[in-house]
PDB file of N, CA and C in Angstrom:
ATOM      1  N   UNK A   1      34.688  59.252 -84.831  1.00  0.00           N
ATOM      2  CA  UNK A   1      33.342  59.538 -84.269  1.00  0.00           C
ATOM      3  C   UNK A   1      32.758  58.280 -83.678  1.00  0.00           C
ATOM      4  N   UNK A   2      32.977  57.118 -84.315  1.00  0.00           N
ATOM      5  CA  UNK A   2      32.474  55.849 -83.813  1.00  0.00           C
ATOM      6  C   UNK A   2      32.975  55.583 -82.388  1.00  0.00           C
ATOM      7  N   UNK A   3      34.217  55.865 -82.165  1.00  0.00           N
ATOM      8  CA  UNK A   3      34.844  55.636 -80.845  1.00  0.00           C
ATOM      9  C   UNK A   3      34.206  56.553 -79.767  1.00  0.00           C
ATOM     10  N   UNK A   4      33.889  57.777 -80.165  1.00  0.00           N
ATOM     11  CA  UNK A   4      33.279  58.725 -79.254  1.00  0.00           C
ATOM     12  C   UNK A   4      31.871  58.234 -78.852  1.00  0.00           C
ATOM     13  N   UNK A   5      31.116  57.860 -79.862  1.00  0.00           N
ATOM     14  CA  UNK A   5      29.801  57.313 -79.588  1.00  0.00           C
ATOM     15  C   UNK A   5      29.834  56.062 -78.729  1.00  0.00           C
ATOM     16  N   UNK A   6      30.799  55.210 -79.052  1.00  0.00           N
ATOM     17  CA  UNK A   6      30.940  53.969 -78.291  1.00  0.00           C
ATOM     18  C   UNK A   6      31.293  54.248 -76.819  1.00  0.00           C
ATOM     19  N   UNK A   7      32.193  55.198 -76.586  1.00  0.00           N
ATOM     20  CA  UNK A   7      32.566  55.581 -75.244  1.00  0.00           C
ATOM     21  C   UNK A   7      31.394  56.183 -74.510  1.00  0.00           C
ATOM     22  N   UNK A   8      30.599  57.023 -75.167  1.00  0.00           N
ATOM     23  CA  UNK A   8      29.429  57.633 -74.590  1.00  0.00           C
ATOM     24  C   UNK A   8      28.392  56.562 -74.197  1.00  0.00           C
ATOM     25  N   UNK A   9      28.190  55.582 -75.111  1.00  0.00           N
ATOM     26  CA  UNK A   9      27.211  54.522 -74.820  1.00  0.00           C
ATOM     27  C   UNK A   9      27.667  53.671 -73.674  1.00  0.00           C
ATOM     28  N   UNK A  10      28.993  53.388 -73.614  1.00  0.00           N
ATOM     29  CA  UNK A  10      29.550  52.601 -72.544  1.00  0.00           C
ATOM     30  C   UNK A  10      29.399  53.324 -71.187  1.00  0.00           C
ATOM     31  N   UNK A  11      29.624  54.580 -71.190  1.00  0.00           N
ATOM     32  CA  UNK A  11      29.492  55.422 -70.027  1.00  0.00           C
ATOM     33  C   UNK A  11      28.048  55.428 -69.513  1.00  0.00           C
ATOM     34  N   UNK A  12      27.081  55.595 -70.425  1.00  0.00           N
ATOM     35  CA  UNK A  12      25.689  55.552 -70.076  1.00  0.00           C
ATOM     36  C   UNK A  12      25.286  54.140 -69.603  1.00  0.00           C
ATOM     37  N   UNK A  13      25.805  53.104 -70.185  1.00  0.00           N
ATOM     38  CA  UNK A  13      25.533  51.739 -69.738  1.00  0.00           C
ATOM     39  C   UNK A  13      26.072  51.551 -68.306  1.00  0.00           C
ATOM     40  N   UNK A  14      27.245  52.063 -68.031  1.00  0.00           N
ATOM     41  CA  UNK A  14      27.822  51.935 -66.691  1.00  0.00           C
ATOM     42  C   UNK A  14      26.954  52.678 -65.654  1.00  0.00           C
ATOM     43  N   UNK A  15      26.484  53.838 -66.026  1.00  0.00           N
ATOM     44  CA  UNK A  15      25.588  54.599 -65.140  1.00  0.00           C
ATOM     45  C   UNK A  15      24.270  53.826 -64.866  1.00  0.00           C
ATOM     46  N   UNK A  16      23.749  53.320 -65.956  1.00  0.00           N
ATOM     47  CA  UNK A  16      22.487  52.543 -65.850  1.00  0.00           C
ATOM     48  C   UNK A  16      22.704  51.280 -64.976  1.00  0.00           C
ATOM     49  N   UNK A  17      23.833  50.621 -65.172  1.00  0.00           N
ATOM     50  CA  UNK A  17      24.154  49.438 -64.363  1.00  0.00           C
ATOM     51  C   UNK A  17      24.316  49.826 -62.901  1.00  0.00           C
ATOM     52  N   UNK A  18      24.939  50.933 -62.617  1.00  0.00           N
ATOM     53  CA  UNK A  18      25.088  51.368 -61.254  1.00  0.00           C
ATOM     54  C   UNK A  18      23.756  51.652 -60.636  1.00  0.00           C
ATOM     55  N   UNK A  19      22.864  52.321 -61.381  1.00  0.00           N
ATOM     56  CA  UNK A  19      21.500  52.580 -60.869  1.00  0.00           C
ATOM     57  C   UNK A  19      20.763  51.301 -60.619  1.00  0.00           C
ATOM     58  N   UNK A  20      20.884  50.329 -61.489  1.00  0.00           N
ATOM     59  CA  UNK A  20      20.142  49.068 -61.268  1.00  0.00           C
ATOM     60  C   UNK A  20      20.690  48.320 -60.046  1.00  0.00           C
ATOM     61  N   UNK A  21      21.983  48.374 -59.825  1.00  0.00           N
ATOM     62  CA  UNK A  21      22.545  47.727 -58.610  1.00  0.00           C
ATOM     63  C   UNK A  21      22.028  48.416 -57.405  1.00  0.00           C
ATOM     64  N   UNK A  22      21.976  49.772 -57.417  1.00  0.00           N
ATOM     65  CA  UNK A  22      21.459  50.543 -56.271  1.00  0.00           C
ATOM     66  C   UNK A  22      19.975  50.203 -56.023  1.00  0.00           C
ATOM     67  N   UNK A  23      19.202  50.151 -57.054  1.00  0.00           N
ATOM     68  CA  UNK A  23      17.779  49.859 -56.906  1.00  0.00           C
ATOM     69  C   UNK A  23      17.583  48.442 -56.364  1.00  0.00           C
ATOM     70  N   UNK A  24      18.341  47.463 -56.832  1.00  0.00           N
ATOM     71  CA  UNK A  24      18.258  46.084 -56.366  1.00  0.00           C
ATOM     72  C   UNK A  24      18.609  46.085 -54.835  1.00  0.00           C
ATOM     73  N   UNK A  25      19.666  46.765 -54.436  1.00  0.00           N
ATOM     74  CA  UNK A  25      20.098  46.745 -53.064  1.00  0.00           C
ATOM     75  C   UNK A  25      19.011  47.353 -52.189  1.00  0.00           C
ATOM     76  N   UNK A  26      18.374  48.441 -52.666  1.00  0.00           N
ATOM     77  CA  UNK A  26      17.286  49.085 -51.868  1.00  0.00           C
ATOM     78  C   UNK A  26      16.099  48.119 -51.737  1.00  0.00           C
ATOM     79  N   UNK A  27      15.726  47.508 -52.871  1.00  0.00           N
ATOM     80  CA  UNK A  27      14.573  46.573 -52.799  1.00  0.00           C
ATOM     81  C   UNK A  27      14.855  45.360 -51.916  1.00  0.00           C
ATOM     82  N   UNK A  28      16.079  44.869 -51.923  1.00  0.00           N
ATOM     83  CA  UNK A  28      16.414  43.783 -51.039  1.00  0.00           C
ATOM     84  C   UNK A  28      16.358  44.185 -49.570  1.00  0.00           C
ATOM     85  N   UNK A  29      16.826  45.389 -49.291  1.00  0.00           N
ATOM     86  CA  UNK A  29      16.800  45.895 -47.920  1.00  0.00           C
ATOM     87  C   UNK A  29      15.349  46.085 -47.446  1.00  0.00           C
ATOM     88  N   UNK A  30      14.500  46.591 -48.343  1.00  0.00           N
ATOM     89  CA  UNK A  30      13.095  46.790 -47.997  1.00  0.00           C
ATOM     90  C   UNK A  30      12.438  45.407 -47.775  1.00  0.00           C
ATOM     91  N   UNK A  31      12.764  44.398 -48.568  1.00  0.00           N
ATOM     92  CA  UNK A  31      12.179  43.073 -48.424  1.00  0.00           C
ATOM     93  C   UNK A  31      12.618  42.463 -47.079  1.00  0.00           C
ATOM     94  N   UNK A  32      13.889  42.657 -46.742  1.00  0.00           N
ATOM     95  CA  UNK A  32      14.413  42.125 -45.475  1.00  0.00           C
ATOM     96  C   UNK A  32      13.733  42.827 -44.264  1.00  0.00           C
ATOM     97  N   UNK A  33      13.526  44.083 -44.419  1.00  0.00           N
ATOM     98  CA  UNK A  33      12.854  44.819 -43.300  1.00  0.00           C
ATOM     99  C   UNK A  33      11.386  44.344 -43.198  1.00  0.00           C
ATOM    100  N   UNK A  34      10.765  44.102 -44.303  1.00  0.00           N
ATOM    101  CA  UNK A  34       9.407  43.561 -44.299  1.00  0.00           C
ATOM    102  C   UNK A  34       9.371  42.176 -43.633  1.00  0.00           C
ATOM    103  N   UNK A  35      10.306  41.352 -44.018  1.00  0.00           N
ATOM    104  CA  UNK A  35      10.325  39.991 -43.400  1.00  0.00           C
ATOM    105  C   UNK A  35      10.521  40.082 -41.925  1.00  0.00           C
ATOM    106  N   UNK A  36      11.462  40.937 -41.483  1.00  0.00           N
ATOM    107  CA  UNK A  36      11.741  41.146 -40.077  1.00  0.00           C
ATOM    108  C   UNK A  36      10.464  41.589 -39.320  1.00  0.00           C
ATOM    109  N   UNK A  37       9.783  42.541 -39.940  1.00  0.00           N
ATOM    110  CA  UNK A  37       8.582  43.039 -39.302  1.00  0.00           C
ATOM    111  C   UNK A  37       7.493  41.969 -39.192  1.00  0.00           C
ATOM    112  N   UNK A  38       7.313  41.179 -40.245  1.00  0.00           N
ATOM    113  CA  UNK A  38       6.308  40.117 -40.255  1.00  0.00           C
ATOM    114  C   UNK A  38       6.704  39.100 -39.150  1.00  0.00           C
ATOM    115  N   UNK A  39       7.986  38.739 -39.085  1.00  0.00           N
ATOM    116  CA  UNK A  39       8.413  37.770 -38.061  1.00  0.00           C
ATOM    117  C   UNK A  39       8.185  38.306 -36.668  1.00  0.00           C
ATOM    118  N   UNK A  40       8.470  39.542 -36.420  1.00  0.00           N
ATOM    119  CA  UNK A  40       8.304  40.168 -35.111  1.00  0.00           C
ATOM    120  C   UNK A  40       6.812  40.138 -34.706  1.00  0.00           C
ATOM    121  N   UNK A  41       5.932  40.474 -35.668  1.00  0.00           N
ATOM    122  CA  UNK A  41       4.515  40.440 -35.379  1.00  0.00           C
ATOM    123  C   UNK A  41       4.031  39.039 -35.109  1.00  0.00           C
ATOM    124  N   UNK A  42       4.558  38.055 -35.818  1.00  0.00           N
ATOM    125  CA  UNK A  42       4.161  36.645 -35.565  1.00  0.00           C
ATOM    126  C   UNK A  42       4.676  36.187 -34.241  1.00  0.00           C
ATOM    127  N   UNK A  43       5.891  36.570 -33.824  1.00  0.00           N
ATOM    128  CA  UNK A  43       6.429  36.212 -32.504  1.00  0.00           C
ATOM    129  C   UNK A  43       5.566  36.848 -31.410  1.00  0.00           C
ATOM    130  N   UNK A  44       5.236  38.091 -31.572  1.00  0.00           N
ATOM    131  CA  UNK A  44       4.403  38.799 -30.590  1.00  0.00           C
ATOM    132  C   UNK A  44       3.051  38.134 -30.442  1.00  0.00           C
ATOM    133  N   UNK A  45       2.442  37.768 -31.553  1.00  0.00           N
ATOM    134  CA  UNK A  45       1.136  37.051 -31.511  1.00  0.00           C
ATOM    135  C   UNK A  45       1.242  35.717 -30.840  1.00  0.00           C
ATOM    136  N   UNK A  46       2.357  35.000 -31.124  1.00  0.00           N
ATOM    137  CA  UNK A  46       2.541  33.662 -30.466  1.00  0.00           C
ATOM    138  C   UNK A  46       2.697  33.837 -28.972  1.00  0.00           C
ATOM    139  N   UNK A  47       3.436  34.812 -28.532  1.00  0.00           N
ATOM    140  CA  UNK A  47       3.669  35.026 -27.086  1.00  0.00           C
ATOM    141  C   UNK A  47       2.327  35.477 -26.439  1.00  0.00           C
ATOM    142  N   UNK A  48       1.565  36.281 -27.127  1.00  0.00           N
ATOM    143  CA  UNK A  48       0.261  36.673 -26.586  1.00  0.00           C
ATOM    144  C   UNK A  48      -0.630  35.448 -26.413  1.00  0.00           C
ATOM    145  N   UNK A  49      -0.668  34.601 -27.426  1.00  0.00           N
ATOM    146  CA  UNK A  49      -1.476  33.404 -27.349  1.00  0.00           C
ATOM    147  C   UNK A  49      -1.035  32.477 -26.273  1.00  0.00           C
ATOM    148  N   UNK A  50       0.289  32.333 -26.094  1.00  0.00           N
ATOM    149  CA  UNK A  50       0.824  31.488 -25.020  1.00  0.00           C
ATOM    150  C   UNK A  50       0.398  32.061 -23.694  1.00  0.00           C
ATOM    151  N   UNK A  51       0.436  33.366 -23.512  1.00  0.00           N
ATOM    152  CA  UNK A  51      -0.011  33.970 -22.269  1.00  0.00           C
ATOM    153  C   UNK A  51      -1.496  33.724 -22.027  1.00  0.00           C
ATOM    154  N   UNK A  52      -2.296  33.773 -23.079  1.00  0.00           N
ATOM    155  CA  UNK A  52      -3.713  33.465 -22.953  1.00  0.00           C
ATOM    156  C   UNK A  52      -3.919  32.027 -22.454  1.00  0.00           C
ATOM    157  N   UNK A  53      -3.117  31.132 -23.017  1.00  0.00           N
ATOM    158  CA  UNK A  53      -3.235  29.719 -22.635  1.00  0.00           C
ATOM    159  C   UNK A  53      -2.858  29.521 -21.153  1.00  0.00           C
ATOM    160  N   UNK A  54      -1.778  30.167 -20.720  1.00  0.00           N
ATOM    161  CA  UNK A  54      -1.377  30.063 -19.326  1.00  0.00           C
ATOM    162  C   UNK A  54      -2.415  30.609 -18.365  1.00  0.00           C
ATOM    163  N   UNK A  55      -2.970  31.722 -18.776  1.00  0.00           N
ATOM    164  CA  UNK A  55      -4.045  32.340 -17.942  1.00  0.00           C
ATOM    165  C   UNK A  55      -5.253  31.396 -17.841  1.00  0.00           C
ATOM    166  N   UNK A  56      -5.646  30.750 -18.920  1.00  0.00           N
ATOM    167  CA  UNK A  56      -6.764  29.813 -18.888  1.00  0.00           C
ATOM    168  C   UNK A  56      -6.427  28.581 -18.057  1.00  0.00           C
ATOM    169  N   UNK A  57      -5.180  28.137 -18.124  1.00  0.00           N
ATOM    170  CA  UNK A  57      -4.743  26.990 -17.342  1.00  0.00           C
ATOM    171  C   UNK A  57      -4.806  27.347 -15.813  1.00  0.00           C
ATOM    172  N   UNK A  58      -4.383  28.526 -15.503  1.00  0.00           N
ATOM    173  CA  UNK A  58      -4.400  28.965 -14.054  1.00  0.00           C
ATOM    174  C   UNK A  58      -5.830  29.065 -13.585  1.00  0.00           C
ATOM    175  N   UNK A  59      -6.720  29.587 -14.426  1.00  0.00           N
ATOM    176  CA  UNK A  59      -8.144  29.702 -14.082  1.00  0.00           C
ATOM    177  C   UNK A  59      -8.712  28.283 -13.824  1.00  0.00           C
ATOM    178  N   UNK A  60      -8.350  27.352 -14.651  1.00  0.00           N
ATOM    179  CA  UNK A  60      -8.883  25.951 -14.514  1.00  0.00           C
ATOM    180  C   UNK A  60      -8.337  25.338 -13.231  1.00  0.00           C
ATOM    181  N   UNK A  61      -7.089  25.644 -12.865  1.00  0.00           N
ATOM    182  CA  UNK A  61      -6.545  25.093 -11.612  1.00  0.00           C
ATOM    183  C   UNK A  61      -7.335  25.675 -10.426  1.00  0.00           C
ATOM    184  N   UNK A  62      -7.510  26.982 -10.444  1.00  0.00           N
ATOM    185  CA  UNK A  62      -8.274  27.659  -9.339  1.00  0.00           C
ATOM    186  C   UNK A  62      -9.651  27.122  -9.236  1.00  0.00           C
ATOM    187  N   UNK A  63     -10.341  26.903 -10.406  1.00  0.00           N
ATOM    188  CA  UNK A  63     -11.692  26.407 -10.405  1.00  0.00           C
ATOM    189  C   UNK A  63     -11.707  24.984  -9.818  1.00  0.00           C
ATOM    190  N   UNK A  64     -10.741  24.176 -10.211  1.00  0.00           N
ATOM    191  CA  UNK A  64     -10.663  22.840  -9.688  1.00  0.00           C
ATOM    192  C   UNK A  64     -10.441  22.786  -8.195  1.00  0.00           C
ATOM    193  N   UNK A  65      -9.587  23.640  -7.691  1.00  0.00           N
ATOM    194  CA  UNK A  65      -9.328  23.709  -6.269  1.00  0.00           C
ATOM    195  C   UNK A  65     -10.571  24.151  -5.507  1.00  0.00           C
ATOM    196  N   UNK A  66     -11.260  25.166  -6.068  1.00  0.00           N
ATOM    197  CA  UNK A  66     -12.437  25.673  -5.433  1.00  0.00           C
ATOM    198  C   UNK A  66     -13.499  24.552  -5.374  1.00  0.00           C
ATOM    199  N   UNK A  67     -13.630  23.819  -6.437  1.00  0.00           N
ATOM    200  CA  UNK A  67     -14.596  22.711  -6.493  1.00  0.00           C
ATOM    201  C   UNK A  67     -14.250  21.633  -5.472  1.00  0.00           C
ATOM    202  N   UNK A  68     -12.963  21.351  -5.369  1.00  0.00           N
ATOM    203  CA  UNK A  68     -12.517  20.332  -4.468  1.00  0.00           C
ATOM    204  C   UNK A  68     -12.772  20.731  -3.044  1.00  0.00           C
ATOM    205  N   UNK A  69     -12.477  21.994  -2.699  1.00  0.00           N
ATOM    206  CA  UNK A  69     -12.694  22.496  -1.301  1.00  0.00           C
ATOM    207  C   UNK A  69     -14.205  22.463  -0.998  1.00  0.00           C
ATOM    208  N   UNK A  70     -15.009  22.921  -1.939  1.00  0.00           N
ATOM    209  CA  UNK A  70     -16.456  22.917  -1.722  1.00  0.00           C
ATOM    210  C   UNK A  70     -16.995  21.509  -1.554  1.00  0.00           C
ATOM    211  N   UNK A  71     -16.468  20.566  -2.333  1.00  0.00           N
ATOM    212  CA  UNK A  71     -16.887  19.170  -2.238  1.00  0.00           C
ATOM    213  C   UNK A  71     -16.518  18.626  -0.849  1.00  0.00           C
ATOM    214  N   UNK A  72     -15.272  18.923  -0.389  1.00  0.00           N
ATOM    215  CA  UNK A  72     -14.826  18.452   0.877  1.00  0.00           C
ATOM    216  C   UNK A  72     -15.655  19.001   2.020  1.00  0.00           C
ATOM    217  N   UNK A  73     -15.978  20.334   1.878  1.00  0.00           N
ATOM    218  CA  UNK A  73     -16.862  20.980   2.926  1.00  0.00           C
ATOM    219  C   UNK A  73     -18.216  20.289   2.970  1.00  0.00           C
ATOM    220  N   UNK A  74     -18.773  19.957   1.835  1.00  0.00           N
ATOM    221  CA  UNK A  74     -20.089  19.375   1.779  1.00  0.00           C
ATOM    222  C   UNK A  74     -20.138  17.984   2.382  1.00  0.00           C
ATOM    223  N   UNK A  75     -19.002  17.232   2.259  1.00  0.00           N
ATOM    224  CA  UNK A  75     -19.024  15.882   2.744  1.00  0.00           C
ATOM    225  C   UNK A  75     -18.529  15.676   4.170  1.00  0.00           C
ATOM    226  N   UNK A  76     -17.730  16.662   4.652  1.00  0.00           N
ATOM    227  CA  UNK A  76     -17.248  16.569   6.015  1.00  0.00           C
ATOM    228  C   UNK A  76     -17.911  17.649   6.854  1.00  0.00           C
ATOM    229  N   UNK A  77     -18.628  17.228   7.867  1.00  0.00           N
ATOM    230  CA  UNK A  77     -19.420  18.137   8.674  1.00  0.00           C
ATOM    231  C   UNK A  77     -18.472  18.933   9.602  1.00  0.00           C
ATOM    232  N   UNK A  78     -18.794  20.212   9.754  1.00  0.00           N
ATOM    233  CA  UNK A  78     -18.073  21.029  10.721  1.00  0.00           C
ATOM    234  C   UNK A  78     -16.764  21.619  10.163  1.00  0.00           C
ATOM    235  N   UNK A  79     -16.577  21.540   8.876  1.00  0.00           N
ATOM    236  CA  UNK A  79     -15.307  22.056   8.255  1.00  0.00           C
ATOM    237  C   UNK A  79     -15.655  23.225   7.384  1.00  0.00           C
ATOM    238  N   UNK A  80     -14.914  24.294   7.580  1.00  0.00           N
ATOM    239  CA  UNK A  80     -15.115  25.436   6.672  1.00  0.00           C
ATOM    240  C   UNK A  80     -14.006  25.515   5.641  1.00  0.00           C
ATOM    241  N   UNK A  81     -14.060  26.516   4.770  1.00  0.00           N
ATOM    242  CA  UNK A  81     -13.088  26.621   3.606  1.00  0.00           C
ATOM    243  C   UNK A  81     -11.660  26.746   4.119  1.00  0.00           C
ATOM    244  N   UNK A  82     -11.467  27.521   5.199  1.00  0.00           N
ATOM    245  CA  UNK A  82     -10.087  27.756   5.697  1.00  0.00           C
ATOM    246  C   UNK A  82      -9.482  26.456   6.255  1.00  0.00           C
ATOM    247  N   UNK A  83     -10.275  25.660   6.902  1.00  0.00           N
ATOM    248  CA  UNK A  83      -9.761  24.392   7.427  1.00  0.00           C
ATOM    249  C   UNK A  83      -9.507  23.369   6.326  1.00  0.00           C
ATOM    250  N   UNK A  84     -10.267  23.435   5.235  1.00  0.00           N
ATOM    251  CA  UNK A  84     -10.094  22.507   4.154  1.00  0.00           C
ATOM    252  C   UNK A  84      -8.889  22.772   3.303  1.00  0.00           C
ATOM    253  N   UNK A  85      -8.435  24.019   3.287  1.00  0.00           N
ATOM    254  CA  UNK A  85      -7.300  24.356   2.460  1.00  0.00           C
ATOM    255  C   UNK A  85      -6.062  24.312   3.221  1.00  0.00           C
TER     256      UNK A  85
END
């Protein structure tokens, strides 16, 4: 009878061990998916911010050129914006 109980307990322990391995694998996969999602969101945000910076840089260049042309027009008589550029 002891051997039967021992075999039953070992069988149940093996089933429990298999379940725990399965649960660990699922949790690890979920964690990896979460890390991937977080990294993708961070990359998207970084690219968005870089685009914002480039847009501001271009606006500053245009503003500087406009100011330069206007300054040139003001100081040189008889010159319009098309001639100055």
